[in-house]
N, C-alpha and C. Protein backbone atom coordinates (compact mmCIF):
# COMPACT_ATOMS: atom_id res chain seq x y z
N MET A 1 99.15 92.98 105.52
CA MET A 1 100.02 92.26 106.44
C MET A 1 100.98 93.26 107.08
N ALA A 2 101.25 93.09 108.35
CA ALA A 2 102.15 93.97 109.08
C ALA A 2 103.59 93.76 108.63
N LEU A 3 104.40 94.76 108.85
CA LEU A 3 105.80 94.70 108.46
C LEU A 3 106.53 93.51 109.08
N PRO A 4 106.37 93.21 110.38
CA PRO A 4 107.05 92.02 110.93
C PRO A 4 106.66 90.73 110.21
N GLY A 5 105.42 90.62 109.77
CA GLY A 5 104.98 89.44 109.02
C GLY A 5 105.71 89.32 107.70
N LYS A 6 105.95 90.45 107.05
CA LYS A 6 106.68 90.43 105.79
C LYS A 6 108.14 90.05 106.02
N LEU A 7 108.70 90.53 107.11
CA LEU A 7 110.09 90.19 107.41
C LEU A 7 110.27 88.69 107.64
N SER A 8 109.26 88.06 108.21
CA SER A 8 109.37 86.63 108.50
C SER A 8 109.39 85.79 107.22
N ARG A 9 108.97 86.37 106.09
CA ARG A 9 108.97 85.64 104.82
C ARG A 9 110.29 85.77 104.06
N LEU A 10 111.20 86.59 104.58
CA LEU A 10 112.47 86.78 103.89
C LEU A 10 113.40 85.60 104.12
N ARG A 11 114.22 85.35 103.13
CA ARG A 11 115.26 84.32 103.24
C ARG A 11 116.42 84.91 104.05
N PRO A 12 117.24 84.06 104.65
CA PRO A 12 118.37 84.55 105.45
C PRO A 12 119.27 85.54 104.70
N ARG A 13 119.53 85.29 103.43
CA ARG A 13 120.38 86.19 102.64
C ARG A 13 119.74 87.58 102.52
N GLN A 14 118.41 87.62 102.38
CA GLN A 14 117.71 88.89 102.27
C GLN A 14 117.74 89.64 103.59
N ILE A 15 117.59 88.92 104.69
CA ILE A 15 117.67 89.55 106.01
C ILE A 15 119.06 90.13 106.21
N LEU A 16 120.08 89.40 105.79
CA LEU A 16 121.45 89.89 105.89
C LEU A 16 121.64 91.17 105.09
N GLN A 17 121.03 91.25 103.92
CA GLN A 17 121.11 92.48 103.11
C GLN A 17 120.52 93.66 103.88
N LEU A 18 119.38 93.45 104.51
CA LEU A 18 118.76 94.52 105.30
C LEU A 18 119.64 94.92 106.48
N VAL A 19 120.17 93.94 107.17
CA VAL A 19 121.02 94.22 108.33
C VAL A 19 122.24 95.03 107.90
N LYS A 20 122.85 94.66 106.79
CA LYS A 20 124.03 95.39 106.30
C LYS A 20 123.71 96.86 106.03
N VAL A 21 122.55 97.11 105.48
CA VAL A 21 122.16 98.49 105.17
C VAL A 21 121.90 99.26 106.46
N PHE A 22 121.14 98.68 107.37
CA PHE A 22 120.76 99.39 108.58
C PHE A 22 121.88 99.49 109.61
N ILE A 23 122.83 98.58 109.59
CA ILE A 23 123.91 98.63 110.58
C ILE A 23 124.80 99.86 110.37
N VAL A 24 124.86 100.32 109.14
CA VAL A 24 125.65 101.50 108.81
C VAL A 24 124.96 102.78 109.30
N ARG A 25 123.64 102.78 109.30
CA ARG A 25 122.85 103.94 109.70
C ARG A 25 121.75 103.53 110.69
N PRO A 26 122.13 103.11 111.89
CA PRO A 26 121.11 102.62 112.83
C PRO A 26 120.09 103.69 113.24
N PHE A 27 120.48 104.95 113.19
CA PHE A 27 119.55 106.01 113.58
C PHE A 27 118.47 106.25 112.53
N TYR A 28 118.61 105.61 111.38
CA TYR A 28 117.60 105.75 110.33
C TYR A 28 116.57 104.63 110.37
N ILE A 29 116.75 103.66 111.24
CA ILE A 29 115.81 102.54 111.31
C ILE A 29 114.41 103.03 111.68
N ILE A 30 114.31 103.78 112.75
CA ILE A 30 112.99 104.22 113.22
C ILE A 30 112.33 105.17 112.23
N PRO A 31 113.02 106.19 111.71
CA PRO A 31 112.35 107.03 110.71
C PRO A 31 111.90 106.25 109.47
N THR A 32 112.71 105.30 109.05
CA THR A 32 112.35 104.49 107.88
C THR A 32 111.12 103.64 108.18
N TYR A 33 111.09 103.02 109.34
CA TYR A 33 109.95 102.20 109.74
C TYR A 33 108.68 103.06 109.83
N ARG A 34 108.80 104.22 110.47
CA ARG A 34 107.63 105.10 110.62
C ARG A 34 107.13 105.60 109.27
N ALA A 35 108.05 105.93 108.38
CA ALA A 35 107.65 106.36 107.04
C ALA A 35 106.92 105.24 106.31
N THR A 36 107.41 104.03 106.47
CA THR A 36 106.79 102.88 105.82
C THR A 36 105.37 102.66 106.35
N GLN A 37 105.23 102.69 107.66
CA GLN A 37 103.91 102.50 108.27
C GLN A 37 102.94 103.61 107.85
N LEU A 38 103.43 104.85 107.85
CA LEU A 38 102.57 105.98 107.48
C LEU A 38 102.15 105.89 106.01
N ALA A 39 103.08 105.52 105.14
CA ALA A 39 102.75 105.39 103.72
C ALA A 39 101.67 104.34 103.51
N ILE A 40 101.81 103.22 104.17
CA ILE A 40 100.80 102.15 104.05
C ILE A 40 99.46 102.63 104.60
N HIS A 41 99.48 103.29 105.75
CA HIS A 41 98.25 103.79 106.37
C HIS A 41 97.54 104.81 105.46
N LEU A 42 98.30 105.77 104.94
CA LEU A 42 97.69 106.80 104.09
C LEU A 42 97.18 106.23 102.77
N ALA A 43 97.92 105.31 102.19
CA ALA A 43 97.47 104.68 100.94
C ALA A 43 96.22 103.85 101.19
N GLN A 44 96.20 103.15 102.31
CA GLN A 44 95.03 102.33 102.67
C GLN A 44 93.81 103.23 102.89
N ALA A 45 94.01 104.35 103.58
CA ALA A 45 92.90 105.28 103.85
C ALA A 45 92.36 105.88 102.55
N ARG A 46 93.23 106.16 101.62
CA ARG A 46 92.83 106.81 100.36
C ARG A 46 92.27 105.81 99.35
N PHE A 47 92.88 104.61 99.27
CA PHE A 47 92.54 103.69 98.19
C PHE A 47 92.06 102.31 98.64
N GLY A 48 92.06 102.04 99.93
CA GLY A 48 91.75 100.69 100.38
C GLY A 48 92.83 99.72 99.92
N LYS A 49 92.45 98.49 99.66
CA LYS A 49 93.43 97.47 99.28
C LYS A 49 93.95 97.63 97.85
N GLU A 50 93.37 98.54 97.10
CA GLU A 50 93.78 98.74 95.71
C GLU A 50 95.26 99.10 95.58
N HIS A 51 95.84 99.69 96.61
CA HIS A 51 97.24 100.10 96.51
C HIS A 51 98.19 98.91 96.46
N HIS A 52 97.68 97.70 96.68
CA HIS A 52 98.50 96.50 96.55
C HIS A 52 98.52 95.96 95.12
N LEU A 53 97.70 96.55 94.24
CA LEU A 53 97.65 96.13 92.84
C LEU A 53 98.55 97.07 92.02
N ASN A 54 98.66 96.84 90.75
CA ASN A 54 99.52 97.67 89.89
C ASN A 54 98.75 98.82 89.26
N THR A 55 97.98 99.51 90.08
CA THR A 55 97.09 100.59 89.66
C THR A 55 97.69 101.95 90.01
N PRO A 56 97.00 103.04 89.67
CA PRO A 56 97.47 104.35 90.12
C PRO A 56 97.63 104.43 91.64
N ALA A 57 96.84 103.68 92.38
CA ALA A 57 96.96 103.67 93.84
C ALA A 57 98.34 103.16 94.27
N ASN A 58 98.85 102.17 93.56
CA ASN A 58 100.18 101.63 93.85
C ASN A 58 101.25 102.66 93.52
N ALA A 59 101.08 103.36 92.41
CA ALA A 59 102.02 104.42 92.04
C ALA A 59 102.05 105.49 93.12
N PHE A 60 100.87 105.87 93.60
CA PHE A 60 100.74 106.83 94.70
C PHE A 60 101.52 106.35 95.92
N ARG A 61 101.30 105.10 96.32
CA ARG A 61 101.96 104.57 97.52
C ARG A 61 103.47 104.56 97.38
N HIS A 62 103.98 104.15 96.23
CA HIS A 62 105.43 104.11 96.05
C HIS A 62 106.04 105.51 96.10
N ALA A 63 105.42 106.47 95.44
CA ALA A 63 105.93 107.84 95.48
C ALA A 63 105.84 108.39 96.91
N LEU A 64 104.73 108.13 97.56
CA LEU A 64 104.54 108.58 98.94
C LEU A 64 105.58 107.96 99.86
N TRP A 65 105.80 106.67 99.73
CA TRP A 65 106.75 105.96 100.59
C TRP A 65 108.16 106.54 100.46
N SER A 66 108.64 106.69 99.25
CA SER A 66 109.99 107.21 99.08
C SER A 66 110.09 108.65 99.58
N TYR A 67 109.05 109.44 99.33
CA TYR A 67 109.02 110.82 99.81
C TYR A 67 109.09 110.84 101.34
N LEU A 68 108.26 110.03 101.99
CA LEU A 68 108.21 110.03 103.45
C LEU A 68 109.51 109.54 104.08
N ILE A 69 110.14 108.54 103.49
CA ILE A 69 111.44 108.09 104.03
C ILE A 69 112.43 109.25 103.96
N ALA A 70 112.52 109.89 102.82
CA ALA A 70 113.44 111.02 102.68
C ALA A 70 113.09 112.14 103.66
N GLN A 71 111.82 112.43 103.79
CA GLN A 71 111.37 113.50 104.69
C GLN A 71 111.74 113.21 106.14
N LYS A 72 111.48 111.99 106.59
CA LYS A 72 111.76 111.65 107.98
C LYS A 72 113.26 111.58 108.26
N VAL A 73 114.04 111.10 107.32
CA VAL A 73 115.49 111.06 107.49
C VAL A 73 116.05 112.48 107.42
N TYR A 74 115.50 113.31 106.57
CA TYR A 74 115.92 114.71 106.48
C TYR A 74 115.73 115.41 107.83
N LYS A 75 114.66 115.10 108.52
CA LYS A 75 114.43 115.70 109.84
C LYS A 75 115.52 115.30 110.83
N LYS A 76 116.16 114.17 110.60
CA LYS A 76 117.26 113.71 111.45
C LYS A 76 118.59 114.33 111.05
N ASN A 77 118.86 114.40 109.73
CA ASN A 77 120.20 114.81 109.30
C ASN A 77 120.28 116.18 108.63
N GLU A 78 119.14 116.77 108.30
CA GLU A 78 119.06 118.09 107.67
C GLU A 78 119.92 118.21 106.41
N ASN A 79 120.00 117.11 105.67
CA ASN A 79 120.77 117.09 104.43
C ASN A 79 119.91 116.41 103.36
N VAL A 80 119.44 117.20 102.41
CA VAL A 80 118.52 116.68 101.40
C VAL A 80 119.14 115.55 100.60
N SER A 81 120.37 115.74 100.12
CA SER A 81 120.96 114.70 99.26
C SER A 81 121.21 113.41 100.02
N LYS A 82 121.60 113.49 101.29
CA LYS A 82 121.79 112.27 102.08
C LYS A 82 120.46 111.59 102.38
N ALA A 83 119.43 112.38 102.62
CA ALA A 83 118.10 111.82 102.87
C ALA A 83 117.58 111.10 101.62
N VAL A 84 117.77 111.72 100.47
CA VAL A 84 117.34 111.12 99.21
C VAL A 84 118.14 109.85 98.93
N HIS A 85 119.45 109.92 99.16
CA HIS A 85 120.29 108.74 98.94
C HIS A 85 119.83 107.57 99.81
N TRP A 86 119.53 107.85 101.07
CA TRP A 86 119.07 106.79 101.97
C TRP A 86 117.74 106.21 101.47
N ALA A 87 116.80 107.07 101.15
CA ALA A 87 115.49 106.59 100.68
C ALA A 87 115.64 105.76 99.42
N LYS A 88 116.51 106.17 98.52
CA LYS A 88 116.74 105.40 97.29
C LYS A 88 117.37 104.05 97.63
N THR A 89 118.31 104.04 98.56
CA THR A 89 118.94 102.78 98.97
C THR A 89 117.89 101.81 99.50
N ILE A 90 117.01 102.28 100.36
CA ILE A 90 115.99 101.43 100.97
C ILE A 90 114.97 100.96 99.94
N THR A 91 114.46 101.88 99.14
CA THR A 91 113.43 101.49 98.18
C THR A 91 114.00 100.61 97.07
N ASP A 92 115.23 100.87 96.65
CA ASP A 92 115.87 99.98 95.66
C ASP A 92 116.09 98.59 96.24
N LEU A 93 116.51 98.53 97.51
CA LEU A 93 116.71 97.23 98.15
C LEU A 93 115.38 96.47 98.24
N HIS A 94 114.33 97.18 98.58
CA HIS A 94 113.01 96.54 98.64
C HIS A 94 112.66 95.91 97.29
N GLU A 95 112.89 96.64 96.22
CA GLU A 95 112.56 96.12 94.89
C GLU A 95 113.48 94.96 94.50
N GLN A 96 114.70 95.00 94.97
CA GLN A 96 115.63 93.89 94.71
C GLN A 96 115.16 92.62 95.41
N ILE A 97 114.63 92.77 96.62
CA ILE A 97 114.19 91.63 97.42
C ILE A 97 112.79 91.16 97.02
N ALA A 98 111.93 92.10 96.62
CA ALA A 98 110.52 91.77 96.31
C ALA A 98 110.42 90.85 95.10
N PRO A 99 109.48 89.91 95.16
CA PRO A 99 109.30 88.97 94.04
C PRO A 99 108.39 89.54 92.96
N ASN A 100 108.84 90.56 92.26
CA ASN A 100 108.04 91.18 91.21
C ASN A 100 108.52 90.78 89.82
N LYS A 101 107.61 90.86 88.87
CA LYS A 101 107.97 90.67 87.46
C LYS A 101 108.79 91.89 87.02
N PRO A 102 109.60 91.76 85.97
CA PRO A 102 110.47 92.87 85.56
C PRO A 102 109.75 94.20 85.31
N LEU A 103 108.60 94.19 84.64
CA LEU A 103 107.91 95.45 84.37
C LEU A 103 107.35 96.05 85.66
N GLU A 104 106.86 95.21 86.57
CA GLU A 104 106.37 95.71 87.86
C GLU A 104 107.52 96.34 88.65
N LYS A 105 108.66 95.69 88.64
CA LYS A 105 109.84 96.21 89.34
C LYS A 105 110.26 97.56 88.74
N ALA A 106 110.31 97.64 87.42
CA ALA A 106 110.68 98.89 86.75
C ALA A 106 109.69 100.00 87.09
N MET A 107 108.40 99.66 87.11
CA MET A 107 107.36 100.63 87.45
C MET A 107 107.56 101.13 88.88
N ASP A 108 107.78 100.22 89.82
CA ASP A 108 107.95 100.61 91.22
C ASP A 108 109.20 101.48 91.41
N LEU A 109 110.31 101.09 90.79
CA LEU A 109 111.53 101.89 90.89
C LEU A 109 111.31 103.29 90.33
N HIS A 110 110.60 103.36 89.21
CA HIS A 110 110.31 104.66 88.60
C HIS A 110 109.44 105.51 89.53
N ASN A 111 108.38 104.94 90.07
CA ASN A 111 107.49 105.71 90.94
C ASN A 111 108.20 106.12 92.23
N ASN A 112 109.10 105.28 92.73
CA ASN A 112 109.92 105.67 93.88
C ASN A 112 110.76 106.89 93.53
N SER A 113 111.35 106.89 92.34
CA SER A 113 112.21 108.01 91.94
C SER A 113 111.39 109.29 91.76
N ILE A 114 110.16 109.16 91.30
CA ILE A 114 109.27 110.33 91.20
C ILE A 114 109.05 110.91 92.60
N GLY A 115 108.79 110.05 93.57
CA GLY A 115 108.62 110.51 94.94
C GLY A 115 109.84 111.25 95.46
N LEU A 116 111.02 110.76 95.13
CA LEU A 116 112.25 111.42 95.58
C LEU A 116 112.45 112.76 94.88
N ARG A 117 112.13 112.83 93.60
CA ARG A 117 112.22 114.12 92.90
C ARG A 117 111.24 115.13 93.49
N LEU A 118 110.05 114.65 93.83
CA LEU A 118 109.07 115.54 94.46
C LEU A 118 109.57 116.02 95.81
N PHE A 119 110.21 115.13 96.56
CA PHE A 119 110.78 115.53 97.85
C PHE A 119 111.84 116.61 97.65
N GLU A 120 112.75 116.39 96.72
CA GLU A 120 113.81 117.38 96.48
C GLU A 120 113.24 118.75 96.13
N ALA A 121 112.16 118.77 95.39
CA ALA A 121 111.55 120.03 94.97
C ALA A 121 110.65 120.64 96.05
N ASN A 122 110.22 119.83 97.01
CA ASN A 122 109.22 120.28 97.99
C ASN A 122 109.58 119.92 99.42
N TYR A 123 110.85 119.77 99.74
CA TYR A 123 111.21 119.25 101.06
C TYR A 123 110.80 120.16 102.20
N THR A 124 110.47 121.41 101.92
CA THR A 124 109.98 122.29 102.98
C THR A 124 108.49 122.12 103.23
N THR A 125 107.83 121.30 102.42
CA THR A 125 106.41 121.01 102.63
C THR A 125 106.30 120.16 103.89
N ASN A 126 105.70 120.72 104.92
CA ASN A 126 105.71 120.04 106.20
C ASN A 126 104.41 119.34 106.57
N THR A 127 103.32 119.71 105.94
CA THR A 127 102.07 119.09 106.36
C THR A 127 101.71 117.91 105.47
N THR A 128 101.07 116.95 106.10
CA THR A 128 100.62 115.77 105.36
C THR A 128 99.59 116.17 104.32
N ASP A 129 98.73 117.13 104.65
CA ASP A 129 97.71 117.59 103.69
C ASP A 129 98.35 118.14 102.42
N GLN A 130 99.40 118.95 102.57
CA GLN A 130 100.08 119.51 101.40
C GLN A 130 100.69 118.40 100.55
N LEU A 131 101.32 117.45 101.22
CA LEU A 131 101.94 116.33 100.52
C LEU A 131 100.89 115.51 99.78
N LEU A 132 99.79 115.22 100.44
CA LEU A 132 98.74 114.42 99.80
C LEU A 132 98.12 115.15 98.61
N LYS A 133 97.95 116.46 98.70
CA LYS A 133 97.44 117.22 97.56
C LYS A 133 98.40 117.11 96.38
N LEU A 134 99.68 117.25 96.66
CA LEU A 134 100.70 117.14 95.62
C LEU A 134 100.66 115.76 94.97
N LEU A 135 100.62 114.72 95.78
CA LEU A 135 100.62 113.35 95.24
C LEU A 135 99.30 112.99 94.57
N ASN A 136 98.21 113.53 95.07
CA ASN A 136 96.92 113.29 94.39
C ASN A 136 96.93 113.88 92.99
N ARG A 137 97.51 115.08 92.84
CA ARG A 137 97.63 115.69 91.50
C ARG A 137 98.48 114.81 90.59
N GLU A 138 99.60 114.34 91.12
CA GLU A 138 100.48 113.48 90.34
C GLU A 138 99.77 112.18 89.95
N THR A 139 99.02 111.62 90.89
CA THR A 139 98.31 110.36 90.64
C THR A 139 97.22 110.55 89.59
N ASP A 140 96.54 111.68 89.64
CA ASP A 140 95.51 111.97 88.63
C ASP A 140 96.09 112.04 87.22
N GLN A 141 97.37 112.36 87.11
CA GLN A 141 98.03 112.47 85.81
C GLN A 141 98.87 111.23 85.47
N ALA A 142 98.75 110.18 86.28
CA ALA A 142 99.54 108.96 86.05
C ALA A 142 99.18 108.35 84.70
N VAL A 143 100.15 107.65 84.12
CA VAL A 143 100.00 107.10 82.77
C VAL A 143 100.07 105.58 82.83
N LYS A 144 99.12 104.94 82.13
CA LYS A 144 99.15 103.48 82.03
C LYS A 144 100.22 103.08 81.02
N ILE A 145 101.03 102.10 81.40
CA ILE A 145 102.10 101.63 80.51
C ILE A 145 101.91 100.14 80.22
N THR A 146 102.53 99.70 79.13
CA THR A 146 102.46 98.28 78.77
C THR A 146 103.84 97.67 78.56
N LYS A 147 104.86 98.53 78.48
CA LYS A 147 106.23 98.02 78.28
C LYS A 147 107.22 98.99 78.94
N ALA A 148 108.42 98.50 79.20
CA ALA A 148 109.44 99.29 79.90
C ALA A 148 109.76 100.59 79.17
N ALA A 149 109.74 100.57 77.86
CA ALA A 149 110.06 101.79 77.09
C ALA A 149 109.07 102.92 77.39
N ASP A 150 107.85 102.57 77.80
CA ASP A 150 106.86 103.59 78.15
C ASP A 150 107.28 104.40 79.37
N ILE A 151 108.09 103.81 80.23
CA ILE A 151 108.55 104.52 81.42
C ILE A 151 109.43 105.69 81.01
N GLU A 152 110.35 105.45 80.10
CA GLU A 152 111.25 106.51 79.64
C GLU A 152 110.47 107.63 78.96
N ILE A 153 109.45 107.28 78.21
CA ILE A 153 108.62 108.29 77.54
C ILE A 153 107.90 109.15 78.58
N ASN A 154 107.55 108.55 79.71
CA ASN A 154 106.80 109.23 80.77
C ASN A 154 107.66 109.42 82.01
N LYS A 155 108.90 109.83 81.82
CA LYS A 155 109.86 109.86 82.92
C LYS A 155 109.52 110.84 84.03
N ASN A 156 108.63 111.79 83.78
CA ASN A 156 108.26 112.75 84.81
C ASN A 156 106.85 112.52 85.36
N ARG A 157 106.27 111.37 85.05
CA ARG A 157 104.92 111.07 85.51
C ARG A 157 104.90 109.74 86.23
N LEU A 158 103.99 109.61 87.18
CA LEU A 158 103.76 108.31 87.79
C LEU A 158 103.21 107.37 86.73
N VAL A 159 103.52 106.09 86.85
CA VAL A 159 103.04 105.11 85.88
C VAL A 159 102.39 103.93 86.60
N PHE A 160 101.54 103.22 85.87
CA PHE A 160 100.85 102.06 86.41
C PHE A 160 100.59 101.07 85.29
N LEU A 161 100.19 99.84 85.66
CA LEU A 161 99.99 98.78 84.67
C LEU A 161 98.53 98.43 84.42
N GLU A 162 97.68 98.62 85.40
CA GLU A 162 96.27 98.23 85.26
C GLU A 162 95.37 99.25 85.92
N ASN A 163 94.14 99.33 85.43
CA ASN A 163 93.17 100.30 85.97
C ASN A 163 92.51 99.81 87.22
């Protein structure tokens, strides 16, 4: 489903939350939108619809999404910590609004944070191919979890719930 379709499913209070975030940084709207579209496109190209499930493909997409938001905002502001802060704000808000079960939410937040750590360590990586190689390696080492405590044990690895 396209992003506008997802926005139409939000309740007024959720839309207000988004507006409050973006009104403070209006110049980040387009980079954030483009990062979101690119993450979905690349995940779809690599995994098909599987990235919508709680599989390694989903872990890949979440890490990719947070990385791309930070990368595109960094190109605007040239400040790594501000770019990471913005990406965390957006991805955390998404998880707050999304109707996920607690373990799914924890998994997504964790995988988003992995993407941001990868960005901080590799923000000079400019090509999509380099980024995809990095994330493919991380995805190949992703760990299946069954409870929230497993996330802490695997704090430096992508995690997923089902194969």
